[in-house]
C-alpha atoms as a PDB file:
ATOM      1  CA  MET A   1      -0.179  -0.022  -0.373  1.00  0.00           C
ATOM      2  CA  VAL A   2       2.554   2.329   0.779  1.00  0.00           C
ATOM      3  CA  ALA A   3       4.345   1.326  -2.163  1.00  0.00           C
ATOM      4  CA  VAL A   4       1.370   2.058  -4.630  1.00  0.00           C
ATOM      5  CA  PHE A   5       1.493   5.303  -2.607  1.00  0.00           C
ATOM      6  CA  LYS A   6       4.800   6.555  -3.008  1.00  0.00           C
ATOM      7  CA  ARG A   7       4.513   5.584  -6.868  1.00  0.00           C
ATOM      8  CA  ALA A   8       1.719   7.731  -7.549  1.00  0.00           C
ATOM      9  CA  LYS A   9       3.259  10.409  -5.692  1.00  0.00           C
ATOM     10  CA  VAL A  10       6.340  10.085  -7.624  1.00  0.00           C
ATOM     11  CA  GLY A  11       4.005  10.210 -10.873  1.00  0.00           C
ATOM     12  CA  HIS A  12       2.140  13.322  -9.740  1.00  0.00           C
ATOM     13  CA  MET A  13       5.163  14.973  -9.512  1.00  0.00           C
ATOM     14  CA  ASN A  14       6.686  14.109 -13.002  1.00  0.00           C
ATOM     15  CA  THR A  15       3.368  14.861 -14.455  1.00  0.00           C
ATOM     16  CA  ARG A  16       4.012  18.703 -12.897  1.00  0.00           C
ATOM     17  CA  PHE A  17       7.695  18.839 -14.055  1.00  0.00           C
ATOM     18  CA  ILE A  18       6.299  18.624 -17.592  1.00  0.00           C
ATOM     19  CA  GLU A  19       3.669  20.932 -17.540  1.00  0.00           C
ATOM     20  CA  ILE A  20       6.164  23.707 -16.207  1.00  0.00           C
ATOM     21  CA  ALA A  21       8.564  22.604 -18.867  1.00  0.00           C
ATOM     22  CA  ALA A  22       5.961  22.370 -21.635  1.00  0.00           C
ATOM     23  CA  VAL A  23       4.895  26.087 -20.586  1.00  0.00           C
ATOM     24  CA  ILE A  24       8.461  27.528 -20.651  1.00  0.00           C
ATOM     25  CA  GLY A  25       8.798  25.901 -24.173  1.00  0.00           C
ATOM     26  CA  ALA A  26       6.057  27.454 -25.343  1.00  0.00           C
ATOM     27  CA  VAL A  27       7.026  30.862 -23.874  1.00  0.00           C
ATOM     28  CA  LEU A  28      10.621  30.547 -25.859  1.00  0.00           C
ATOM     29  CA  ILE A  29       8.910  29.704 -28.836  1.00  0.00           C
ATOM     30  CA  ALA A  30       6.323  32.737 -29.035  1.00  0.00           C
ATOM     31  CA  ALA A  31       8.403  35.279 -27.935  1.00  0.00           C
ATOM     32  CA  PRO A  32      10.433  35.630 -31.357  1.00  0.00           C
ATOM     33  CA  VAL A  33       7.341  35.933 -32.917  1.00  0.00           C
ATOM     34  CA  ILE A  34       5.699  38.227 -31.070  1.00  0.00           C
ATOM     35  CA  ALA A  35       8.818  40.323 -31.248  1.00  0.00           C
ATOM     36  CA  ASP A  36       8.451  40.357 -34.921  1.00  0.00           C
ATOM     37  CA  GLU A  37       4.869  41.391 -34.661  1.00  0.00           C
ATOM     38  CA  ALA A  38       5.558  44.647 -32.560  1.00  0.00           C
ATOM     39  CA  PRO A  39       5.283  48.229 -34.541  1.00  0.00           C
ATOM     40  CA  ALA A  40       8.132  49.245 -35.706  1.00  0.00           C
ATOM     41  CA  ALA A  41      10.224  52.353 -33.649  1.00  0.00           C
ATOM     42  CA  ARG A  42       9.535  56.067 -34.852  1.00  0.00           C
ATOM     43  CA  PRO A  43      12.769  57.807 -36.531  1.00  0.00           C
ATOM     44  CA  VAL A  44      14.453  60.338 -34.563  1.00  0.00           C
ATOM     45  CA  ARG A  45      14.124  63.773 -35.647  1.00  0.00           C
ATOM     46  CA  HIS A  46      17.115  65.919 -35.571  1.00  0.00           C
ATOM     47  CA  VAL A  47      16.575  69.793 -35.280  1.00  0.00           C
ATOM     48  CA  ALA A  48      19.314  72.027 -36.651  1.00  0.00           C
ATOM     49  CA  ARG A  49      20.490  74.873 -34.293  1.00  0.00           C
ATOM     50  CA  ALA A  50      22.529  77.441 -34.996  1.00  0.00           C
ATOM     51  CA  PRO A  51      26.037  77.408 -34.026  1.00  0.00           C
ATOM     52  CA  VAL A  52      26.969  79.650 -30.595  1.00  0.00           C
ATOM     53  CA  GLU A  53      28.880  82.599 -31.620  1.00  0.00           C
ATOM     54  CA  ALA A  54      31.491  83.248 -29.126  1.00  0.00           C
ATOM     55  CA  PRO A  55      31.252  86.396 -26.765  1.00  0.00           C
ATOM     56  CA  ILE A  56      32.429  89.404 -28.376  1.00  0.00           C
ATOM     57  CA  ARG A  57      34.865  90.696 -25.580  1.00  0.00           C
ATOM     58  CA  ALA A  58      34.957  94.753 -26.226  1.00  0.00           C
ATOM     59  CA  ALA A  59      38.606  95.889 -26.781  1.00  0.00           C
ATOM     60  CA  PRO A  60      41.015  97.030 -24.332  1.00  0.00           C
ATOM     61  CA  VAL A  61      40.705 100.673 -23.309  1.00  0.00           C
ATOM     62  CA  GLN A  62      44.163 102.157 -24.580  1.00  0.00           C
ATOM     63  CA  GLN A  63      45.485 104.202 -21.485  1.00  0.00           C
ATOM     64  CA  ALA A  64      46.440 107.635 -21.983  1.00  0.00           C
ATOM     65  CA  ASN A  65      50.530 108.546 -22.289  1.00  0.00           C
ATOM     66  CA  TRP A  66      51.610 112.178 -20.932  1.00  0.00           C
ATOM     67  CA  THR A  67      55.212 111.381 -21.816  1.00  0.00           C
ATOM     68  CA  GLY A  68      57.162 113.006 -24.806  1.00  0.00           C
ATOM     69  CA  GLY A  69      57.602 115.910 -26.837  1.00  0.00           C
ATOM     70  CA  GLN A  70      55.096 117.794 -28.465  1.00  0.00           C
ATOM     71  CA  VAL A  71      54.907 120.627 -31.141  1.00  0.00           C
ATOM     72  CA  GLY A  72      52.327 123.077 -32.114  1.00  0.00           C
ATOM     73  CA  GLY A  73      50.618 126.151 -32.942  1.00  0.00           C
ATOM     74  CA  GLN A  74      48.810 128.831 -30.748  1.00  0.00           C
ATOM     75  CA  GLY A  75      46.956 131.743 -31.578  1.00  0.00           C
ATOM     76  CA  GLY A  76      44.575 134.252 -29.569  1.00  0.00           C
ATOM     77  CA  VAL A  77      44.908 138.177 -28.370  1.00  0.00           C
ATOM     78  CA  SER A  78      47.028 139.858 -26.408  1.00  0.00           C
ATOM     79  CA  SER A  79      46.331 142.907 -24.667  1.00  0.00           C
ATOM     80  CA  MET A  80      49.564 145.408 -24.026  1.00  0.00           C
ATOM     81  CA  ALA A  81      50.411 147.719 -20.754  1.00  0.00           C
ATOM     82  CA  GLN A  82      52.496 150.620 -22.139  1.00  0.00           C
ATOM     83  CA  GLY A  83      54.173 152.440 -19.548  1.00  0.00           C
ATOM     84  CA  PHE A  84      55.737 155.707 -20.391  1.00  0.00           C
ATOM     85  CA  ALA A  85      56.282 158.397 -18.571  1.00  0.00           C
ATOM     86  CA  GLU A  86      59.041 161.757 -19.435  1.00  0.00           C
ATOM     87  CA  PRO A  87      58.819 163.317 -15.698  1.00  0.00           C
ATOM     88  CA  GLY A  88      60.027 166.711 -16.611  1.00  0.00           C
ATOM     89  CA  ALA A  89      63.360 166.326 -15.762  1.00  0.00           C
ATOM     90  CA  HIS A  90      65.246 168.649 -18.229  1.00  0.00           C
ATOM     91  CA  LEU A  91      64.485 172.674 -18.813  1.00  0.00           C
ATOM     92  CA  PHE A  92      66.162 175.743 -19.396  1.00  0.00           C
ATOM     93  CA  PRO A  93      64.645 177.878 -16.869  1.00  0.00           C
ATOM     94  CA  ASP A  94      65.463 181.928 -17.306  1.00  0.00           C
ATOM     95  CA  SER A  95      68.657 182.093 -14.405  1.00  0.00           C
ATOM     96  CA  SER A  96      66.715 185.495 -13.120  1.00  0.00           C
ATOM     97  CA  ALA A  97      65.267 185.423  -9.657  1.00  0.00           C
ATOM     98  CA  THR A  98      62.026 186.068 -11.277  1.00  0.00           C
ATOM     99  CA  CYS A  99      61.764 182.666 -12.618  1.00  0.00           C
ATOM    100  CA  ILE A 100      63.808 180.871  -9.818  1.00  0.00           C
ATOM    101  CA  SER A 101      62.626 182.020  -6.730  1.00  0.00           C
ATOM    102  CA  GLY A 102      60.542 185.386  -8.035  1.00  0.00           C
ATOM    103  CA  SER A 103      56.899 185.385  -8.539  1.00  0.00           C
ATOM    104  CA  PHE A 104      56.573 182.637 -10.686  1.00  0.00           C
ATOM    105  CA  PRO A 105      58.782 179.965  -9.802  1.00  0.00           C
ATOM    106  CA  SER A 106      56.365 177.074 -11.595  1.00  0.00           C
ATOM    107  CA  TYR A 107      56.395 178.912 -14.754  1.00  0.00           C
ATOM    108  CA  CYS A 108      60.236 177.371 -14.456  1.00  0.00           C
ATOM    109  CA  VAL A 109      59.501 173.773 -14.504  1.00  0.00           C
ATOM    110  CA  GLU A 110      59.200 171.533 -17.343  1.00  0.00           C
ATOM    111  CA  THR A 111      55.821 169.993 -17.665  1.00  0.00           C
ATOM    112  CA  PRO A 112      55.316 166.277 -16.669  1.00  0.00           C
ATOM    113  CA  PHE A 113      54.506 164.107 -19.935  1.00  0.00           C
ATOM    114  CA  ALA A 114      53.223 160.344 -19.382  1.00  0.00           C
ATOM    115  CA  PHE A 115      50.413 157.959 -20.992  1.00  0.00           C
ATOM    116  CA  THR A 116      49.615 154.732 -20.479  1.00  0.00           C
ATOM    117  CA  GLY A 117      47.827 152.707 -23.201  1.00  0.00           C
ATOM    118  CA  HIS A 118      46.249 148.632 -23.129  1.00  0.00           C
ATOM    119  CA  ASN A 119      46.195 148.311 -26.686  1.00  0.00           C
ATOM    120  CA  SER A 120      45.016 144.603 -27.634  1.00  0.00           C
ATOM    121  CA  SER A 121      46.268 142.988 -30.583  1.00  0.00           C
ATOM    122  CA  ALA A 122      46.118 139.430 -32.298  1.00  0.00           C
ATOM    123  CA  THR A 123      48.731 137.092 -31.420  1.00  0.00           C
ATOM    124  CA  GLY A 124      50.244 133.655 -32.789  1.00  0.00           C
ATOM    125  CA  GLY A 125      53.129 131.508 -32.788  1.00  0.00           C
ATOM    126  CA  GLY A 126      54.588 128.034 -32.318  1.00  0.00           C
ATOM    127  CA  PHE A 127      56.144 125.798 -29.318  1.00  0.00           C
ATOM    128  CA  ILE A 128      58.347 122.747 -28.807  1.00  0.00           C
ATOM    129  CA  GLY A 129      58.422 120.938 -25.573  1.00  0.00           C
ATOM    130  CA  TYR A 130      58.742 117.553 -23.484  1.00  0.00           C
ATOM    131  CA  ARG A 131      56.841 116.507 -20.657  1.00  0.00           C
ATOM    132  CA  ALA A 132      56.734 113.620 -18.435  1.00  0.00           C
ATOM    133  CA  GLN A 133      54.034 111.630 -16.659  1.00  0.00           C
ATOM    134  CA  LEU A 134      54.637 110.619 -12.706  1.00  0.00           C
ATOM    135  CA  GLY A 135      51.579 108.967 -11.982  1.00  0.00           C
ATOM    136  CA  TRP A 136      49.109 111.687 -11.855  1.00  0.00           C
ATOM    137  CA  TRP A 137      51.231 114.636 -12.375  1.00  0.00           C
ATOM    138  CA  VAL A 138      52.974 116.036 -15.296  1.00  0.00           C
ATOM    139  CA  ILE A 139      55.844 118.163 -15.606  1.00  0.00           C
ATOM    140  CA  GLY A 140      58.232 119.813 -18.155  1.00  0.00           C
ATOM    141  CA  ALA A 141      59.631 122.393 -20.073  1.00  0.00           C
ATOM    142  CA  GLU A 142      58.745 124.368 -23.283  1.00  0.00           C
ATOM    143  CA  LEU A 143      59.623 126.989 -25.699  1.00  0.00           C
ATOM    144  CA  ASP A 144      57.512 129.062 -27.252  1.00  0.00           C
ATOM    145  CA  ALA A 145      57.439 132.623 -29.971  1.00  0.00           C
ATOM    146  CA  ASN A 146      54.899 134.648 -30.642  1.00  0.00           C
ATOM    147  CA  TYR A 147      54.252 138.202 -33.192  1.00  0.00           C
ATOM    148  CA  LYS A 148      51.746 140.902 -31.888  1.00  0.00           C
ATOM    149  CA  SER A 149      51.454 144.453 -32.289  1.00  0.00           C
ATOM    150  CA  GLY A 150      50.216 147.213 -30.434  1.00  0.00           C
ATOM    151  CA  SER A 151      51.356 150.767 -29.852  1.00  0.00           C
ATOM    152  CA  SER A 152      50.413 153.228 -27.578  1.00  0.00           C
ATOM    153  CA  SER A 153      51.161 157.015 -28.539  1.00  0.00           C
ATOM    154  CA  ALA A 154      50.328 160.681 -27.211  1.00  0.00           C
ATOM    155  CA  ALA A 155      51.335 164.121 -27.909  1.00  0.00           C
ATOM    156  CA  LEU A 156      51.134 167.310 -25.432  1.00  0.00           C
ATOM    157  CA  SER A 157      51.239 170.817 -25.798  1.00  0.00           C
ATOM    158  CA  ASP A 158      51.613 173.561 -22.916  1.00  0.00           C
ATOM    159  CA  ALA A 159      52.496 177.104 -22.855  1.00  0.00           C
ATOM    160  CA  ASN A 160      52.769 179.508 -19.777  1.00  0.00           C
ATOM    161  CA  LEU A 161      54.133 183.137 -19.294  1.00  0.00           C
ATOM    162  CA  PHE A 162      58.028 181.885 -19.793  1.00  0.00           C
ATOM    163  CA  ARG A 163      57.943 179.045 -22.352  1.00  0.00           C
ATOM    164  CA  SER A 164      56.218 177.051 -24.655  1.00  0.00           C
ATOM    165  CA  GLU A 165      56.794 172.965 -25.018  1.00  0.00           C
ATOM    166  CA  SER A 166      55.718 170.244 -26.989  1.00  0.00           C
ATOM    167  CA  PHE A 167      56.208 166.456 -26.310  1.00  0.00           C
ATOM    168  CA  TYR A 168      55.139 163.344 -28.550  1.00  0.00           C
ATOM    169  CA  GLY A 169      55.801 159.424 -27.139  1.00  0.00           C
ATOM    170  CA  THR A 170      55.304 156.340 -28.556  1.00  0.00           C
ATOM    171  CA  MET A 171      55.586 152.878 -27.346  1.00  0.00           C
ATOM    172  CA  LYS A 172      55.051 149.769 -29.121  1.00  0.00           C
ATOM    173  CA  GLN A 173      55.478 145.794 -28.334  1.00  0.00           C
ATOM    174  CA  THR A 174      55.999 143.056 -31.392  1.00  0.00           C
ATOM    175  CA  GLY A 175      57.296 139.773 -30.760  1.00  0.00           C
ATOM    176  CA  ASP A 176      57.729 137.993 -27.642  1.00  0.00           C
ATOM    177  CA  ALA A 177      59.034 134.430 -26.535  1.00  0.00           C
ATOM    178  CA  SER A 178      59.621 132.249 -22.988  1.00  0.00           C
ATOM    179  CA  LEU A 179      61.236 129.396 -21.988  1.00  0.00           C
ATOM    180  CA  ARG A 180      58.639 127.614 -19.124  1.00  0.00           C
ATOM    181  CA  LEU A 181      58.587 125.433 -16.494  1.00  0.00           C
ATOM    182  CA  ARG A 182      55.053 123.386 -16.351  1.00  0.00           C
ATOM    183  CA  ALA A 183      53.337 121.458 -13.551  1.00  0.00           C
ATOM    184  CA  GLY A 184      49.748 119.939 -13.346  1.00  0.00           C
ATOM    185  CA  VAL A 185      47.940 117.005 -12.200  1.00  0.00           C
ATOM    186  CA  LEU A 186      45.648 114.632 -14.452  1.00  0.00           C
ATOM    187  CA  VAL A 187      41.769 115.671 -13.156  1.00  0.00           C
ATOM    188  CA  THR A 188      40.988 113.041 -15.562  1.00  0.00           C
ATOM    189  CA  PRO A 189      43.316 110.396 -17.648  1.00  0.00           C
ATOM    190  CA  TRP A 190      43.000 112.843 -20.645  1.00  0.00           C
ATOM    191  CA  THR A 191      42.266 116.154 -18.854  1.00  0.00           C
ATOM    192  CA  LEU A 192      45.487 118.321 -17.573  1.00  0.00           C
ATOM    193  CA  ILE A 193      45.213 121.233 -15.704  1.00  0.00           C
ATOM    194  CA  TYR A 194      48.701 123.362 -15.452  1.00  0.00           C
ATOM    195  CA  ALA A 195      50.589 126.272 -13.921  1.00  0.00           C
ATOM    196  CA  THR A 196      53.429 127.610 -15.849  1.00  0.00           C
ATOM    197  CA  GLY A 197      56.135 130.226 -15.111  1.00  0.00           C
ATOM    198  CA  GLY A 198      59.895 131.248 -16.695  1.00  0.00           C
ATOM    199  CA  GLY A 199      61.723 133.804 -18.443  1.00  0.00           C
ATOM    200  CA  ALA A 200      60.833 136.123 -21.056  1.00  0.00           C
ATOM    201  CA  VAL A 201      61.825 137.947 -23.662  1.00  0.00           C
ATOM    202  CA  GLY A 202      60.069 140.425 -26.101  1.00  0.00           C
ATOM    203  CA  ASP A 203      60.672 143.221 -28.566  1.00  0.00           C
ATOM    204  CA  ILE A 204      60.062 146.547 -27.021  1.00  0.00           C
ATOM    205  CA  ASN A 205      59.926 150.050 -29.931  1.00  0.00           C
ATOM    206  CA  GLY A 206      59.627 153.450 -28.885  1.00  0.00           C
ATOM    207  CA  SER A 207      60.261 157.027 -29.740  1.00  0.00           C
ATOM    208  CA  PHE A 208      60.149 160.645 -28.062  1.00  0.00           C
ATOM    209  CA  GLY A 209      60.683 163.959 -29.345  1.00  0.00           C
ATOM    210  CA  TYR A 210      60.626 167.105 -27.730  1.00  0.00           C
ATOM    211  CA  THR A 211      60.728 171.197 -28.147  1.00  0.00           C
ATOM    212  CA  ALA A 212      60.561 173.863 -25.917  1.00  0.00           C
ATOM    213  CA  HIS A 213      60.796 177.791 -26.592  1.00  0.00           C
ATOM    214  CA  GLU A 214      61.451 180.452 -23.881  1.00  0.00           C
ATOM    215  CA  TYR A 215      59.878 183.838 -25.072  1.00  0.00           C
ATOM    216  CA  PHE A 216      60.098 185.931 -22.158  1.00  0.00           C
ATOM    217  CA  THR A 217      62.762 187.027 -19.256  1.00  0.00           C
ATOM    218  CA  ALA A 218      63.549 189.625 -16.943  1.00  0.00           C
ATOM    219  CA  PHE A 219      65.605 191.320 -19.403  1.00  0.00           C
ATOM    220  CA  GLY A 220      63.591 190.074 -22.596  1.00  0.00           C
ATOM    221  CA  CYS A 221      65.386 188.781 -25.470  1.00  0.00           C
ATOM    222  CA  ALA A 222      65.473 190.080 -29.051  1.00  0.00           C
ATOM    223  CA  PRO A 223      63.410 187.903 -31.654  1.00  0.00           C
ATOM    224  CA  GLY A 224      64.898 184.599 -32.735  1.00  0.00           C
ATOM    225  CA  THR A 225      67.385 185.023 -29.986  1.00  0.00           C
ATOM    226  CA  CYS A 226      65.318 183.463 -27.060  1.00  0.00           C
ATOM    227  CA  ALA A 227      66.582 179.898 -25.803  1.00  0.00           C
ATOM    228  CA  SER A 228      64.991 176.739 -26.876  1.00  0.00           C
ATOM    229  CA  VAL A 229      65.626 173.201 -26.418  1.00  0.00           C
ATOM    230  CA  THR A 230      64.980 170.655 -29.300  1.00  0.00           C
ATOM    231  CA  GLY A 231      65.548 167.069 -29.486  1.00  0.00           C
ATOM    232  CA  GLY A 232      64.533 163.471 -30.011  1.00  0.00           C
ATOM    233  CA  GLN A 233      65.275 159.683 -30.631  1.00  0.00           C
ATOM    234  CA  SER A 234      63.671 156.387 -31.239  1.00  0.00           C
ATOM    235  CA  TRP A 235      64.490 153.194 -29.988  1.00  0.00           C
ATOM    236  CA  SER A 236      64.161 149.327 -30.234  1.00  0.00           C
ATOM    237  CA  ASP A 237      64.956 147.253 -27.277  1.00  0.00           C
ATOM    238  CA  ALA A 238      65.097 143.231 -27.007  1.00  0.00           C
ATOM    239  CA  ARG A 239      63.449 143.315 -23.120  1.00  0.00           C
ATOM    240  CA  ALA A 240      63.905 140.557 -20.560  1.00  0.00           C
ATOM    241  CA  GLY A 241      61.051 139.435 -17.986  1.00  0.00           C
ATOM    242  CA  TRP A 242      59.479 137.039 -16.978  1.00  0.00           C
ATOM    243  CA  THR A 243      56.359 135.422 -17.611  1.00  0.00           C
ATOM    244  CA  ALA A 244      53.472 133.170 -15.379  1.00  0.00           C
ATOM    245  CA  GLY A 245      50.016 131.531 -15.948  1.00  0.00           C
ATOM    246  CA  GLY A 246      48.030 128.227 -16.604  1.00  0.00           C
ATOM    247  CA  GLY A 247      46.257 126.658 -18.392  1.00  0.00           C
ATOM    248  CA  ILE A 248      44.205 123.456 -19.307  1.00  0.00           C
ATOM    249  CA  GLU A 249      44.881 120.251 -22.157  1.00  0.00           C
ATOM    250  CA  TYR A 250      42.730 117.912 -23.038  1.00  0.00           C
ATOM    251  CA  LEU A 251      44.470 114.741 -25.172  1.00  0.00           C
ATOM    252  CA  VAL A 252      41.650 113.967 -27.682  1.00  0.00           C
ATOM    253  CA  LEU A 253      43.988 111.417 -29.740  1.00  0.00           C
ATOM    254  CA  PRO A 254      47.086 109.307 -28.628  1.00  0.00           C
ATOM    255  CA  ASN A 255      48.642 112.154 -30.201  1.00  0.00           C
ATOM    256  CA  VAL A 256      47.055 114.951 -30.186  1.00  0.00           C
ATOM    257  CA  THR A 257      45.727 117.607 -27.399  1.00  0.00           C
ATOM    258  CA  LEU A 258      44.267 120.745 -27.474  1.00  0.00           C
ATOM    259  CA  ARG A 259      44.921 123.662 -24.996  1.00  0.00           C
ATOM    260  CA  VAL A 260      43.396 126.735 -23.545  1.00  0.00           C
ATOM    261  CA  GLU A 261      46.244 129.181 -21.608  1.00  0.00           C
ATOM    262  CA  TYR A 262      46.389 132.267 -20.159  1.00  0.00           C
ATOM    263  CA  ARG A 263      49.965 134.192 -19.254  1.00  0.00           C
ATOM    264  CA  TYR A 264      51.075 137.625 -17.701  1.00  0.00           C
ATOM    265  CA  THR A 265      54.125 138.945 -19.054  1.00  0.00           C
ATOM    266  CA  ASP A 266      56.267 141.711 -17.493  1.00  0.00           C
ATOM    267  CA  TYR A 267      59.299 143.122 -19.053  1.00  0.00           C
ATOM    268  CA  GLY A 268      60.380 145.364 -15.846  1.00  0.00           C
ATOM    269  CA  PHE A 269      60.482 149.275 -15.195  1.00  0.00           C
ATOM    270  CA  TYR A 270      63.719 150.488 -16.856  1.00  0.00           C
ATOM    271  CA  GLN A 271      64.668 153.872 -18.553  1.00  0.00           C
ATOM    272  CA  LYS A 272      65.855 155.271 -21.401  1.00  0.00           C
ATOM    273  CA  TYR A 273      68.045 158.599 -22.194  1.00  0.00           C
ATOM    274  CA  VAL A 274      66.708 160.604 -24.929  1.00  0.00           C
ATOM    275  CA  PRO A 275      69.528 163.542 -25.791  1.00  0.00           C
ATOM    276  CA  LEU A 276      68.792 167.393 -26.210  1.00  0.00           C
ATOM    277  CA  SER A 277      70.361 170.387 -26.648  1.00  0.00           C
ATOM    278  CA  THR A 278      69.656 173.835 -25.604  1.00  0.00           C
ATOM    279  CA  HIS A 279      70.084 176.843 -28.123  1.00  0.00           C
ATOM    280  CA  ASN A 280      71.019 180.514 -27.715  1.00  0.00           C
ATOM    281  CA  CYS A 281      71.192 180.303 -23.607  1.00  0.00           C
ATOM    282  CA  SER A 282      74.327 182.672 -23.901  1.00  0.00           C
ATOM    283  CA  PHE A 283      71.911 185.457 -25.179  1.00  0.00           C
ATOM    284  CA  VAL A 284      69.284 185.140 -22.628  1.00  0.00           C
ATOM    285  CA  ASN A 285      69.748 187.998 -19.931  1.00  0.00           C
ATOM    286  CA  GLY A 286      72.037 190.035 -21.132  1.00  0.00           C
ATOM    287  CA  GLY A 287      74.492 186.982 -20.838  1.00  0.00           C
ATOM    288  CA  LEU A 288      73.830 185.626 -18.141  1.00  0.00           C
ATOM    289  CA  GLY A 289      72.350 182.775 -19.745  1.00  0.00           C
ATOM    290  CA  CYS A 290      69.818 180.232 -18.534  1.00  0.00           C
ATOM    291  CA  THR A 291      70.532 176.824 -17.321  1.00  0.00           C
ATOM    292  CA  ALA A 292      70.183 173.465 -18.352  1.00  0.00           C
ATOM    293  CA  PRO A 293      69.826 170.660 -15.343  1.00  0.00           C
ATOM    294  CA  THR A 294      70.695 167.958 -17.833  1.00  0.00           C
ATOM    295  CA  SER A 295      71.203 167.160 -21.233  1.00  0.00           C
ATOM    296  CA  ASN A 296      68.773 164.345 -21.524  1.00  0.00           C
ATOM    297  CA  ALA A 297      65.122 163.737 -21.068  1.00  0.00           C
ATOM    298  CA  VAL A 298      65.117 160.516 -18.848  1.00  0.00           C
ATOM    299  CA  ILE A 299      62.049 158.396 -19.961  1.00  0.00           C
ATOM    300  CA  ASP A 300      60.513 155.528 -17.059  1.00  0.00           C
ATOM    301  CA  LEU A 301      59.250 152.525 -18.799  1.00  0.00           C
ATOM    302  CA  HIS A 302      57.305 149.916 -18.004  1.00  0.00           C
ATOM    303  CA  PRO A 303      55.713 147.431 -20.790  1.00  0.00           C
ATOM    304  CA  THR A 304      53.867 144.461 -20.131  1.00  0.00           C
ATOM    305  CA  PHE A 305      51.399 142.250 -21.755  1.00  0.00           C
ATOM    306  CA  ASN A 306      48.497 139.576 -21.134  1.00  0.00           C
ATOM    307  CA  ALA A 307      47.486 136.815 -23.503  1.00  0.00           C
ATOM    308  CA  VAL A 308      44.679 134.380 -23.855  1.00  0.00           C
ATOM    309  CA  ARG A 309      45.998 131.733 -26.635  1.00  0.00           C
ATOM    310  CA  ALA A 310      44.438 128.071 -27.804  1.00  0.00           C
ATOM    311  CA  GLY A 311      46.499 125.937 -29.309  1.00  0.00           C
ATOM    312  CA  VAL A 312      47.023 122.218 -30.762  1.00  0.00           C
ATOM    313  CA  ALA A 313      49.887 120.042 -30.246  1.00  0.00           C
ATOM    314  CA  PHE A 314      51.390 116.954 -32.210  1.00  0.00           C
ATOM    315  CA  ASN A 315      53.126 114.414 -29.223  1.00  0.00           C
ATOM    316  CA  PHE A 316      55.958 112.219 -30.467  1.00  0.00           C
END
């Protein structure tokens, strides 16, 4: 009985194994067929894209460089102050007591003669120089030469009981030049504010003429024999002085700058001696003559000028 049960159990297990094997075999056979009948895969669609451009980089800003030489031209306006004075140092007063210490002593003193002027003139010229940049500071030296033309003149006549006088004077400034130091600070990399100063030279022209006649003395004088004075002179001097001022300069291109500058120039006080001649003194006062304190008229001069100029410079 037991044997029969064991055989039945073994037979049952074999049957189950065969069933499982059959199922697995059917699956293996059906899989390729199902795969063949599966829908075809859709083709992948590729969309063309524009190529990505590299970002554009800005060109580096060129640093301003104020070191180097420069040459340029300038022009503007100049106002010239002409100081001209002949204070009355020469006269031939009658030697009588009436003129010297009598009732009319002031009549025996020469009339002072003076004039001033502030004539304006166009001016223009050129310059050359060198500068060095030290951080925000710029220092250098410059030589310039310019031309202008401004003149002043005056005439005067005077008469009193004893004599008559006439004066004529002129003063003119023309060319000028200077050798200066320049020092400034950069308020921006392209803008320089500077001061400048140094020595200056200039052409100063002038003239003076004087005529006087004595026509009354204590004893009188015959017509044509009264004392007289005549004389005059012209001159042209190269005067040395000083100049100072300041300006602003702007770098518009790596090798080009524009500037505006103001300067004051002073040639100092000096004197000119104009020879004068006295005539017919021996016929005055019965041979007592007349006095001539000097043989020259002394002219006191003080030429100066102010100038405002704009210029362009090429740097190298």
